[in-house]
Amino acid sequence: STFSSSAMGWFRQAPGQEREFVAAITGS
């Protein structure tokens, strides 16, 4: 029930690499 107030993000990880930030959106 906390989705609308939660910040959300997308990250990605390629083979042999660290997870990296792609995009984020704050809560409403």
mmCIF file of all heavy atoms, coordinates in Angstrom:
data_MODEL
# 
_entry.id   MODEL 
# 
loop_
_atom_site.group_PDB 
_atom_site.id 
_atom_site.type_symbol 
_atom_site.label_atom_id 
_atom_site.label_alt_id 
_atom_site.label_comp_id 
_atom_site.label_asym_id 
_atom_site.label_entity_id 
_atom_site.label_seq_id 
_atom_site.pdbx_PDB_ins_code 
_atom_site.Cartn_x 
_atom_site.Cartn_y 
_atom_site.Cartn_z 
_atom_site.occupancy 
_atom_site.B_iso_or_equiv 
_atom_site.pdbx_formal_charge 
_atom_site.auth_seq_id 
_atom_site.auth_comp_id 
_atom_site.auth_asym_id 
_atom_site.auth_atom_id 
_atom_site.pdbx_PDB_model_num 
ATOM 1   N N   . SER A 1 1  ? 0.794  -1.221  0.000   1.00 0.00 ? 1  SER A N   1 
ATOM 2   C CA  . SER A 1 1  ? 0.000  0.000   0.000   1.00 0.00 ? 1  SER A CA  1 
ATOM 3   C C   . SER A 1 1  ? 0.829  1.274   0.000   1.00 0.00 ? 1  SER A C   1 
ATOM 4   O O   . SER A 1 1  ? 0.285  2.365   -0.002  1.00 0.00 ? 1  SER A O   1 
ATOM 5   C CB  . SER A 1 1  ? -0.918 0.004   1.224   1.00 0.00 ? 1  SER A CB  1 
ATOM 6   O OG  . SER A 1 1  ? -0.132 -0.047  2.406   1.00 0.00 ? 1  SER A OG  1 
ATOM 7   N N   . THR A 1 2  ? 2.141  1.132   0.001   1.00 0.00 ? 2  THR A N   1 
ATOM 8   C CA  . THR A 1 2  ? 2.999  2.314   0.086   1.00 0.00 ? 2  THR A CA  1 
ATOM 9   C C   . THR A 1 2  ? 3.528  2.759   -1.260  1.00 0.00 ? 2  THR A C   1 
ATOM 10  O O   . THR A 1 2  ? 4.362  3.652   -1.338  1.00 0.00 ? 2  THR A O   1 
ATOM 11  C CB  . THR A 1 2  ? 4.196  2.033   1.014   1.00 0.00 ? 2  THR A CB  1 
ATOM 12  O OG1 . THR A 1 2  ? 4.983  0.975   0.456   1.00 0.00 ? 2  THR A OG1 1 
ATOM 13  C CG2 . THR A 1 2  ? 3.731  1.645   2.408   1.00 0.00 ? 2  THR A CG2 1 
ATOM 14  N N   . PHE A 1 3  ? 3.059  2.146   -2.350  1.00 0.00 ? 3  PHE A N   1 
ATOM 15  C CA  . PHE A 1 3  ? 3.672  2.381   -3.651  1.00 0.00 ? 3  PHE A CA  1 
ATOM 16  C C   . PHE A 1 3  ? 3.688  3.850   -4.031  1.00 0.00 ? 3  PHE A C   1 
ATOM 17  O O   . PHE A 1 3  ? 4.711  4.386   -4.450  1.00 0.00 ? 3  PHE A O   1 
ATOM 18  C CB  . PHE A 1 3  ? 2.954  1.564   -4.727  1.00 0.00 ? 3  PHE A CB  1 
ATOM 19  C CG  . PHE A 1 3  ? 3.513  1.797   -6.113  1.00 0.00 ? 3  PHE A CG  1 
ATOM 20  C CD1 . PHE A 1 3  ? 4.666  1.163   -6.509  1.00 0.00 ? 3  PHE A CD1 1 
ATOM 21  C CD2 . PHE A 1 3  ? 2.878  2.664   -7.003  1.00 0.00 ? 3  PHE A CD2 1 
ATOM 22  C CE1 . PHE A 1 3  ? 5.189  1.377   -7.776  1.00 0.00 ? 3  PHE A CE1 1 
ATOM 23  C CE2 . PHE A 1 3  ? 3.402  2.890   -8.267  1.00 0.00 ? 3  PHE A CE2 1 
ATOM 24  C CZ  . PHE A 1 3  ? 4.570  2.234   -8.652  1.00 0.00 ? 3  PHE A CZ  1 
ATOM 25  N N   . SER A 1 4  ? 2.560  4.517   -3.904  1.00 0.00 ? 4  SER A N   1 
ATOM 26  C CA  . SER A 1 4  ? 2.475  5.884   -4.428  1.00 0.00 ? 4  SER A CA  1 
ATOM 27  C C   . SER A 1 4  ? 3.448  6.835   -3.740  1.00 0.00 ? 4  SER A C   1 
ATOM 28  O O   . SER A 1 4  ? 3.872  7.829   -4.327  1.00 0.00 ? 4  SER A O   1 
ATOM 29  C CB  . SER A 1 4  ? 1.046  6.414   -4.305  1.00 0.00 ? 4  SER A CB  1 
ATOM 30  O OG  . SER A 1 4  ? 0.667  6.488   -2.945  1.00 0.00 ? 4  SER A OG  1 
ATOM 31  N N   . SER A 1 5  ? 3.800  6.560   -2.512  1.00 0.00 ? 5  SER A N   1 
ATOM 32  C CA  . SER A 1 5  ? 4.714  7.434   -1.785  1.00 0.00 ? 5  SER A CA  1 
ATOM 33  C C   . SER A 1 5  ? 6.160  6.965   -1.846  1.00 0.00 ? 5  SER A C   1 
ATOM 34  O O   . SER A 1 5  ? 7.048  7.629   -1.316  1.00 0.00 ? 5  SER A O   1 
ATOM 35  C CB  . SER A 1 5  ? 4.286  7.546   -0.322  1.00 0.00 ? 5  SER A CB  1 
ATOM 36  O OG  . SER A 1 5  ? 4.323  6.284   0.303   1.00 0.00 ? 5  SER A OG  1 
ATOM 37  N N   . SER A 1 6  ? 6.420  5.851   -2.492  1.00 0.00 ? 6  SER A N   1 
ATOM 38  C CA  . SER A 1 6  ? 7.756  5.267   -2.528  1.00 0.00 ? 6  SER A CA  1 
ATOM 39  C C   . SER A 1 6  ? 8.517  5.694   -3.776  1.00 0.00 ? 6  SER A C   1 
ATOM 40  O O   . SER A 1 6  ? 7.981  5.657   -4.880  1.00 0.00 ? 6  SER A O   1 
ATOM 41  C CB  . SER A 1 6  ? 7.685  3.740   -2.498  1.00 0.00 ? 6  SER A CB  1 
ATOM 42  O OG  . SER A 1 6  ? 7.055  3.276   -1.323  1.00 0.00 ? 6  SER A OG  1 
ATOM 43  N N   . ALA A 1 7  ? 9.766  6.037   -3.586  1.00 0.00 ? 7  ALA A N   1 
ATOM 44  C CA  . ALA A 1 7  ? 10.637 6.247   -4.739  1.00 0.00 ? 7  ALA A CA  1 
ATOM 45  C C   . ALA A 1 7  ? 10.922 4.893   -5.388  1.00 0.00 ? 7  ALA A C   1 
ATOM 46  O O   . ALA A 1 7  ? 11.054 3.881   -4.695  1.00 0.00 ? 7  ALA A O   1 
ATOM 47  C CB  . ALA A 1 7  ? 11.930 6.907   -4.309  1.00 0.00 ? 7  ALA A CB  1 
ATOM 48  N N   . MET A 1 8  ? 11.016 4.885   -6.697  1.00 0.00 ? 8  MET A N   1 
ATOM 49  C CA  . MET A 1 8  ? 11.273 3.662   -7.454  1.00 0.00 ? 8  MET A CA  1 
ATOM 50  C C   . MET A 1 8  ? 12.469 3.888   -8.366  1.00 0.00 ? 8  MET A C   1 
ATOM 51  O O   . MET A 1 8  ? 12.708 5.002   -8.846  1.00 0.00 ? 8  MET A O   1 
ATOM 52  C CB  . MET A 1 8  ? 10.062 3.291   -8.294  1.00 0.00 ? 8  MET A CB  1 
ATOM 53  C CG  . MET A 1 8  ? 8.776  3.074   -7.516  1.00 0.00 ? 8  MET A CG  1 
ATOM 54  S SD  . MET A 1 8  ? 8.839  1.655   -6.415  1.00 0.00 ? 8  MET A SD  1 
ATOM 55  C CE  . MET A 1 8  ? 8.969  0.308   -7.620  1.00 0.00 ? 8  MET A CE  1 
ATOM 56  N N   . GLY A 1 9  ? 13.199 2.823   -8.615  1.00 0.00 ? 9  GLY A N   1 
ATOM 57  C CA  . GLY A 1 9  ? 14.369 2.952   -9.468  1.00 0.00 ? 9  GLY A CA  1 
ATOM 58  C C   . GLY A 1 9  ? 14.549 1.756   -10.372 1.00 0.00 ? 9  GLY A C   1 
ATOM 59  O O   . GLY A 1 9  ? 13.984 0.684   -10.134 1.00 0.00 ? 9  GLY A O   1 
ATOM 60  N N   . TRP A 1 10 ? 15.307 1.977   -11.423 1.00 0.00 ? 10 TRP A N   1 
ATOM 61  C CA  . TRP A 1 10 ? 15.749 0.906   -12.312 1.00 0.00 ? 10 TRP A CA  1 
ATOM 62  C C   . TRP A 1 10 ? 17.272 0.884   -12.309 1.00 0.00 ? 10 TRP A C   1 
ATOM 63  O O   . TRP A 1 10 ? 17.919 1.939   -12.434 1.00 0.00 ? 10 TRP A O   1 
ATOM 64  C CB  . TRP A 1 10 ? 15.257 1.127   -13.740 1.00 0.00 ? 10 TRP A CB  1 
ATOM 65  C CG  . TRP A 1 10 ? 13.803 0.848   -13.951 1.00 0.00 ? 10 TRP A CG  1 
ATOM 66  C CD1 . TRP A 1 10 ? 12.783 1.758   -13.965 1.00 0.00 ? 10 TRP A CD1 1 
ATOM 67  C CD2 . TRP A 1 10 ? 13.192 -0.428  -14.185 1.00 0.00 ? 10 TRP A CD2 1 
ATOM 68  N NE1 . TRP A 1 10 ? 11.587 1.125   -14.188 1.00 0.00 ? 10 TRP A NE1 1 
ATOM 69  C CE2 . TRP A 1 10 ? 11.806 -0.215  -14.337 1.00 0.00 ? 10 TRP A CE2 1 
ATOM 70  C CE3 . TRP A 1 10 ? 13.677 -1.731  -14.288 1.00 0.00 ? 10 TRP A CE3 1 
ATOM 71  C CZ2 . TRP A 1 10 ? 10.902 -1.249  -14.576 1.00 0.00 ? 10 TRP A CZ2 1 
ATOM 72  C CZ3 . TRP A 1 10 ? 12.782 -2.762  -14.532 1.00 0.00 ? 10 TRP A CZ3 1 
ATOM 73  C CH2 . TRP A 1 10 ? 11.418 -2.521  -14.678 1.00 0.00 ? 10 TRP A CH2 1 
ATOM 74  N N   . PHE A 1 11 ? 17.808 -0.311  -12.175 1.00 0.00 ? 11 PHE A N   1 
ATOM 75  C CA  . PHE A 1 11 ? 19.246 -0.534  -12.239 1.00 0.00 ? 11 PHE A CA  1 
ATOM 76  C C   . PHE A 1 11 ? 19.502 -1.621  -13.269 1.00 0.00 ? 11 PHE A C   1 
ATOM 77  O O   . PHE A 1 11 ? 18.587 -2.354  -13.664 1.00 0.00 ? 11 PHE A O   1 
ATOM 78  C CB  . PHE A 1 11 ? 19.789 -0.966  -10.874 1.00 0.00 ? 11 PHE A CB  1 
ATOM 79  C CG  . PHE A 1 11 ? 19.794 0.133   -9.848  1.00 0.00 ? 11 PHE A CG  1 
ATOM 80  C CD1 . PHE A 1 11 ? 18.620 0.579   -9.261  1.00 0.00 ? 11 PHE A CD1 1 
ATOM 81  C CD2 . PHE A 1 11 ? 20.992 0.739   -9.465  1.00 0.00 ? 11 PHE A CD2 1 
ATOM 82  C CE1 . PHE A 1 11 ? 18.624 1.608   -8.319  1.00 0.00 ? 11 PHE A CE1 1 
ATOM 83  C CE2 . PHE A 1 11 ? 21.007 1.754   -8.525  1.00 0.00 ? 11 PHE A CE2 1 
ATOM 84  C CZ  . PHE A 1 11 ? 19.817 2.187   -7.958  1.00 0.00 ? 11 PHE A CZ  1 
ATOM 85  N N   . ARG A 1 12 ? 20.746 -1.753  -13.687 1.00 0.00 ? 12 ARG A N   1 
ATOM 86  C CA  . ARG A 1 12 ? 21.087 -2.830  -14.604 1.00 0.00 ? 12 ARG A CA  1 
ATOM 87  C C   . ARG A 1 12 ? 22.462 -3.387  -14.273 1.00 0.00 ? 12 ARG A C   1 
ATOM 88  O O   . ARG A 1 12 ? 23.292 -2.689  -13.681 1.00 0.00 ? 12 ARG A O   1 
ATOM 89  C CB  . ARG A 1 12 ? 21.040 -2.351  -16.053 1.00 0.00 ? 12 ARG A CB  1 
ATOM 90  C CG  . ARG A 1 12 ? 22.092 -1.322  -16.419 1.00 0.00 ? 12 ARG A CG  1 
ATOM 91  C CD  . ARG A 1 12 ? 21.846 -0.784  -17.833 1.00 0.00 ? 12 ARG A CD  1 
ATOM 92  N NE  . ARG A 1 12 ? 22.848 0.181   -18.234 1.00 0.00 ? 12 ARG A NE  1 
ATOM 93  C CZ  . ARG A 1 12 ? 22.794 0.880   -19.362 1.00 0.00 ? 12 ARG A CZ  1 
ATOM 94  N NH1 . ARG A 1 12 ? 21.763 0.732   -20.203 1.00 0.00 ? 12 ARG A NH1 1 
ATOM 95  N NH2 . ARG A 1 12 ? 23.752 1.748   -19.659 1.00 0.00 ? 12 ARG A NH2 1 
ATOM 96  N N   . GLN A 1 13 ? 22.664 -4.615  -14.652 1.00 0.00 ? 13 GLN A N   1 
ATOM 97  C CA  . GLN A 1 13 ? 23.945 -5.266  -14.396 1.00 0.00 ? 13 GLN A CA  1 
ATOM 98  C C   . GLN A 1 13 ? 24.304 -6.130  -15.589 1.00 0.00 ? 13 GLN A C   1 
ATOM 99  O O   . GLN A 1 13 ? 23.575 -7.080  -15.923 1.00 0.00 ? 13 GLN A O   1 
ATOM 100 C CB  . GLN A 1 13 ? 23.882 -6.105  -13.122 1.00 0.00 ? 13 GLN A CB  1 
ATOM 101 C CG  . GLN A 1 13 ? 25.214 -6.669  -12.691 1.00 0.00 ? 13 GLN A CG  1 
ATOM 102 C CD  . GLN A 1 13 ? 25.171 -7.212  -11.282 1.00 0.00 ? 13 GLN A CD  1 
ATOM 103 O OE1 . GLN A 1 13 ? 24.111 -7.483  -10.725 1.00 0.00 ? 13 GLN A OE1 1 
ATOM 104 N NE2 . GLN A 1 13 ? 26.339 -7.376  -10.681 1.00 0.00 ? 13 GLN A NE2 1 
ATOM 105 N N   . ALA A 1 14 ? 25.409 -5.791  -16.219 1.00 0.00 ? 14 ALA A N   1 
ATOM 106 C CA  . ALA A 1 14 ? 25.943 -6.579  -17.324 1.00 0.00 ? 14 ALA A CA  1 
ATOM 107 C C   . ALA A 1 14 ? 26.910 -7.617  -16.769 1.00 0.00 ? 14 ALA A C   1 
ATOM 108 O O   . ALA A 1 14 ? 27.445 -7.436  -15.668 1.00 0.00 ? 14 ALA A O   1 
ATOM 109 C CB  . ALA A 1 14 ? 26.640 -5.666  -18.325 1.00 0.00 ? 14 ALA A CB  1 
ATOM 110 N N   . PRO A 1 15 ? 27.163 -8.695  -17.497 1.00 0.00 ? 15 PRO A N   1 
ATOM 111 C CA  . PRO A 1 15 ? 28.079 -9.743  -17.013 1.00 0.00 ? 15 PRO A CA  1 
ATOM 112 C C   . PRO A 1 15 ? 29.452 -9.169  -16.657 1.00 0.00 ? 15 PRO A C   1 
ATOM 113 O O   . PRO A 1 15 ? 30.044 -8.430  -17.431 1.00 0.00 ? 15 PRO A O   1 
ATOM 114 C CB  . PRO A 1 15 ? 28.158 -10.701 -18.196 1.00 0.00 ? 15 PRO A CB  1 
ATOM 115 C CG  . PRO A 1 15 ? 26.884 -10.512 -18.919 1.00 0.00 ? 15 PRO A CG  1 
ATOM 116 C CD  . PRO A 1 15 ? 26.556 -9.056  -18.790 1.00 0.00 ? 15 PRO A CD  1 
ATOM 117 N N   . GLY A 1 16 ? 29.916 -9.522  -15.477 1.00 0.00 ? 16 GLY A N   1 
ATOM 118 C CA  . GLY A 1 16 ? 31.233 -9.087  -15.038 1.00 0.00 ? 16 GLY A CA  1 
ATOM 119 C C   . GLY A 1 16 ? 31.312 -7.648  -14.585 1.00 0.00 ? 16 GLY A C   1 
ATOM 120 O O   . GLY A 1 16 ? 32.400 -7.158  -14.266 1.00 0.00 ? 16 GLY A O   1 
ATOM 121 N N   . GLN A 1 17 ? 30.171 -6.969  -14.545 1.00 0.00 ? 17 GLN A N   1 
ATOM 122 C CA  . GLN A 1 17 ? 30.169 -5.573  -14.145 1.00 0.00 ? 17 GLN A CA  1 
ATOM 123 C C   . GLN A 1 17 ? 29.304 -5.369  -12.909 1.00 0.00 ? 17 GLN A C   1 
ATOM 124 O O   . GLN A 1 17 ? 28.464 -6.202  -12.574 1.00 0.00 ? 17 GLN A O   1 
ATOM 125 C CB  . GLN A 1 17 ? 29.667 -4.692  -15.286 1.00 0.00 ? 17 GLN A CB  1 
ATOM 126 C CG  . GLN A 1 17 ? 30.536 -4.747  -16.528 1.00 0.00 ? 17 GLN A CG  1 
ATOM 127 C CD  . GLN A 1 17 ? 30.109 -3.746  -17.578 1.00 0.00 ? 17 GLN A CD  1 
ATOM 128 O OE1 . GLN A 1 17 ? 29.407 -2.776  -17.301 1.00 0.00 ? 17 GLN A OE1 1 
ATOM 129 N NE2 . GLN A 1 17 ? 30.534 -3.969  -18.810 1.00 0.00 ? 17 GLN A NE2 1 
ATOM 130 N N   . GLU A 1 18 ? 29.507 -4.242  -12.251 1.00 0.00 ? 18 GLU A N   1 
ATOM 131 C CA  . GLU A 1 18 ? 28.709 -3.930  -11.082 1.00 0.00 ? 18 GLU A CA  1 
ATOM 132 C C   . GLU A 1 18 ? 27.334 -3.403  -11.503 1.00 0.00 ? 18 GLU A C   1 
ATOM 133 O O   . GLU A 1 18 ? 27.156 -2.890  -12.607 1.00 0.00 ? 18 GLU A O   1 
ATOM 134 C CB  . GLU A 1 18 ? 29.427 -2.895  -10.217 1.00 0.00 ? 18 GLU A CB  1 
ATOM 135 C CG  . GLU A 1 18 ? 30.708 -3.410  -9.586  1.00 0.00 ? 18 GLU A CG  1 
ATOM 136 C CD  . GLU A 1 18 ? 31.271 -2.448  -8.563  1.00 0.00 ? 18 GLU A CD  1 
ATOM 137 O OE1 . GLU A 1 18 ? 30.737 -1.329  -8.437  1.00 0.00 ? 18 GLU A OE1 1 
ATOM 138 O OE2 . GLU A 1 18 ? 32.238 -2.819  -7.892  1.00 0.00 ? 18 GLU A OE2 1 
ATOM 139 N N   . ARG A 1 19 ? 26.393 -3.539  -10.594 1.00 0.00 ? 19 ARG A N   1 
ATOM 140 C CA  . ARG A 1 19 ? 25.053 -3.009  -10.843 1.00 0.00 ? 19 ARG A CA  1 
ATOM 141 C C   . ARG A 1 19 ? 25.133 -1.485  -10.916 1.00 0.00 ? 19 ARG A C   1 
ATOM 142 O O   . ARG A 1 19 ? 25.790 -0.850  -10.088 1.00 0.00 ? 19 ARG A O   1 
ATOM 143 C CB  . ARG A 1 19 ? 24.110 -3.454  -9.744  1.00 0.00 ? 19 ARG A CB  1 
ATOM 144 C CG  . ARG A 1 19 ? 22.653 -3.191  -10.030 1.00 0.00 ? 19 ARG A CG  1 
ATOM 145 C CD  . ARG A 1 19 ? 21.760 -3.882  -9.003  1.00 0.00 ? 19 ARG A CD  1 
ATOM 146 N NE  . ARG A 1 19 ? 21.923 -5.334  -9.032  1.00 0.00 ? 19 ARG A NE  1 
ATOM 147 C CZ  . ARG A 1 19 ? 21.141 -6.179  -8.373  1.00 0.00 ? 19 ARG A CZ  1 
ATOM 148 N NH1 . ARG A 1 19 ? 20.116 -5.713  -7.664  1.00 0.00 ? 19 ARG A NH1 1 
ATOM 149 N NH2 . ARG A 1 19 ? 21.342 -7.469  -8.434  1.00 0.00 ? 19 ARG A NH2 1 
ATOM 150 N N   . GLU A 1 20 ? 24.479 -0.911  -11.925 1.00 0.00 ? 20 GLU A N   1 
ATOM 151 C CA  . GLU A 1 20 ? 24.552 0.529   -12.087 1.00 0.00 ? 20 GLU A CA  1 
ATOM 152 C C   . GLU A 1 20 ? 23.166 1.150   -12.186 1.00 0.00 ? 20 GLU A C   1 
ATOM 153 O O   . GLU A 1 20 ? 22.210 0.523   -12.668 1.00 0.00 ? 20 GLU A O   1 
ATOM 154 C CB  . GLU A 1 20 ? 25.371 0.901   -13.334 1.00 0.00 ? 20 GLU A CB  1 
ATOM 155 C CG  . GLU A 1 20 ? 24.780 0.456   -14.648 1.00 0.00 ? 20 GLU A CG  1 
ATOM 156 C CD  . GLU A 1 20 ? 25.632 0.854   -15.845 1.00 0.00 ? 20 GLU A CD  1 
ATOM 157 O OE1 . GLU A 1 20 ? 26.831 1.170   -15.669 1.00 0.00 ? 20 GLU A OE1 1 
ATOM 158 O OE2 . GLU A 1 20 ? 25.091 0.850   -16.973 1.00 0.00 ? 20 GLU A OE2 1 
ATOM 159 N N   . PHE A 1 21 ? 23.093 2.372   -11.751 1.00 0.00 ? 21 PHE A N   1 
ATOM 160 C CA  . PHE A 1 21 ? 21.856 3.143   -11.781 1.00 0.00 ? 21 PHE A CA  1 
ATOM 161 C C   . PHE A 1 21 ? 21.460 3.445   -13.219 1.00 0.00 ? 21 PHE A C   1 
ATOM 162 O O   . PHE A 1 21 ? 22.309 3.765   -14.051 1.00 0.00 ? 21 PHE A O   1 
ATOM 163 C CB  . PHE A 1 21 ? 22.062 4.443   -11.011 1.00 0.00 ? 21 PHE A CB  1 
ATOM 164 C CG  . PHE A 1 21 ? 20.964 5.451   -11.189 1.00 0.00 ? 21 PHE A CG  1 
ATOM 165 C CD1 . PHE A 1 21 ? 19.760 5.302   -10.532 1.00 0.00 ? 21 PHE A CD1 1 
ATOM 166 C CD2 . PHE A 1 21 ? 21.150 6.545   -12.012 1.00 0.00 ? 21 PHE A CD2 1 
ATOM 167 C CE1 . PHE A 1 21 ? 18.749 6.241   -10.698 1.00 0.00 ? 21 PHE A CE1 1 
ATOM 168 C CE2 . PHE A 1 21 ? 20.150 7.487   -12.181 1.00 0.00 ? 21 PHE A CE2 1 
ATOM 169 C CZ  . PHE A 1 21 ? 18.947 7.334   -11.519 1.00 0.00 ? 21 PHE A CZ  1 
ATOM 170 N N   . VAL A 1 22 ? 20.157 3.338   -13.495 1.00 0.00 ? 22 VAL A N   1 
ATOM 171 C CA  . VAL A 1 22 ? 19.636 3.703   -14.812 1.00 0.00 ? 22 VAL A CA  1 
ATOM 172 C C   . VAL A 1 22 ? 18.686 4.892   -14.701 1.00 0.00 ? 22 VAL A C   1 
ATOM 173 O O   . VAL A 1 22 ? 18.862 5.910   -15.373 1.00 0.00 ? 22 VAL A O   1 
ATOM 174 C CB  . VAL A 1 22 ? 18.911 2.515   -15.474 1.00 0.00 ? 22 VAL A CB  1 
ATOM 175 C CG1 . VAL A 1 22 ? 18.293 2.948   -16.809 1.00 0.00 ? 22 VAL A CG1 1 
ATOM 176 C CG2 . VAL A 1 22 ? 19.855 1.342   -15.670 1.00 0.00 ? 22 VAL A CG2 1 
ATOM 177 N N   . ALA A 1 23 ? 17.679 4.767   -13.847 1.00 0.00 ? 23 ALA A N   1 
ATOM 178 C CA  . ALA A 1 23 ? 16.688 5.841   -13.738 1.00 0.00 ? 23 ALA A CA  1 
ATOM 179 C C   . ALA A 1 23 ? 15.949 5.713   -12.420 1.00 0.00 ? 23 ALA A C   1 
ATOM 180 O O   . ALA A 1 23 ? 15.902 4.631   -11.826 1.00 0.00 ? 23 ALA A O   1 
ATOM 181 C CB  . ALA A 1 23 ? 15.693 5.772   -14.896 1.00 0.00 ? 23 ALA A CB  1 
ATOM 182 N N   . ALA A 1 24 ? 15.395 6.831   -11.966 1.00 0.00 ? 24 ALA A N   1 
ATOM 183 C CA  . ALA A 1 24 ? 14.637 6.841   -10.722 1.00 0.00 ? 24 ALA A CA  1 
ATOM 184 C C   . ALA A 1 24 ? 13.498 7.829   -10.815 1.00 0.00 ? 24 ALA A C   1 
ATOM 185 O O   . ALA A 1 24 ? 13.561 8.804   -11.587 1.00 0.00 ? 24 ALA A O   1 
ATOM 186 C CB  . ALA A 1 24 ? 15.555 7.189   -9.540  1.00 0.00 ? 24 ALA A CB  1 
ATOM 187 N N   . ILE A 1 25 ? 12.472 7.577   -10.020 1.00 0.00 ? 25 ILE A N   1 
ATOM 188 C CA  . ILE A 1 25 ? 11.332 8.477   -9.953  1.00 0.00 ? 25 ILE A CA  1 
ATOM 189 C C   . ILE A 1 25 ? 10.907 8.573   -8.501  1.00 0.00 ? 25 ILE A C   1 
ATOM 190 O O   . ILE A 1 25 ? 10.811 7.566   -7.803  1.00 0.00 ? 25 ILE A O   1 
ATOM 191 C CB  . ILE A 1 25 ? 10.187 7.981   -10.867 1.00 0.00 ? 25 ILE A CB  1 
ATOM 192 C CG1 . ILE A 1 25 ? 9.045  8.992   -10.917 1.00 0.00 ? 25 ILE A CG1 1 
ATOM 193 C CG2 . ILE A 1 25 ? 9.702  6.594   -10.469 1.00 0.00 ? 25 ILE A CG2 1 
ATOM 194 C CD1 . ILE A 1 25 ? 8.049  8.710   -12.042 1.00 0.00 ? 25 ILE A CD1 1 
ATOM 195 N N   . THR A 1 26 ? 10.656 9.778   -8.041  1.00 0.00 ? 26 THR A N   1 
ATOM 196 C CA  . THR A 1 26 ? 10.265 9.953   -6.656  1.00 0.00 ? 26 THR A CA  1 
ATOM 197 C C   . THR A 1 26 ? 8.790  9.598   -6.472  1.00 0.00 ? 26 THR A C   1 
ATOM 198 O O   . THR A 1 26 ? 8.055  9.387   -7.437  1.00 0.00 ? 26 THR A O   1 
ATOM 199 C CB  . THR A 1 26 ? 10.490 11.407  -6.209  1.00 0.00 ? 26 THR A CB  1 
ATOM 200 O OG1 . THR A 1 26 ? 9.677  12.264  -7.018  1.00 0.00 ? 26 THR A OG1 1 
ATOM 201 C CG2 . THR A 1 26 ? 11.950 11.802  -6.343  1.00 0.00 ? 26 THR A CG2 1 
ATOM 202 N N   . GLY A 1 27 ? 8.370  9.535   -5.217  1.00 0.00 ? 27 GLY A N   1 
ATOM 203 C CA  . GLY A 1 27 ? 6.975  9.297   -4.939  1.00 0.00 ? 27 GLY A CA  1 
ATOM 204 C C   . GLY A 1 27 ? 6.127  10.487  -5.346  1.00 0.00 ? 27 GLY A C   1 
ATOM 205 O O   . GLY A 1 27 ? 6.623  11.576  -5.573  1.00 0.00 ? 27 GLY A O   1 
ATOM 206 N N   . SER A 1 28 ? 4.838  10.255  -5.432  1.00 0.00 ? 28 SER A N   1 
ATOM 207 C CA  . SER A 1 28 ? 3.941  11.301  -5.934  1.00 0.00 ? 28 SER A CA  1 
ATOM 208 C C   . SER A 1 28 ? 3.886  12.502  -5.011  1.00 0.00 ? 28 SER A C   1 
ATOM 209 O O   . SER A 1 28 ? 3.559  13.603  -5.440  1.00 0.00 ? 28 SER A O   1 
ATOM 210 C CB  . SER A 1 28 ? 2.542  10.723  -6.147  1.00 0.00 ? 28 SER A CB  1 
ATOM 211 O OG  . SER A 1 28 ? 2.573  9.735   -7.142  1.00 0.00 ? 28 SER A OG  1 
# 
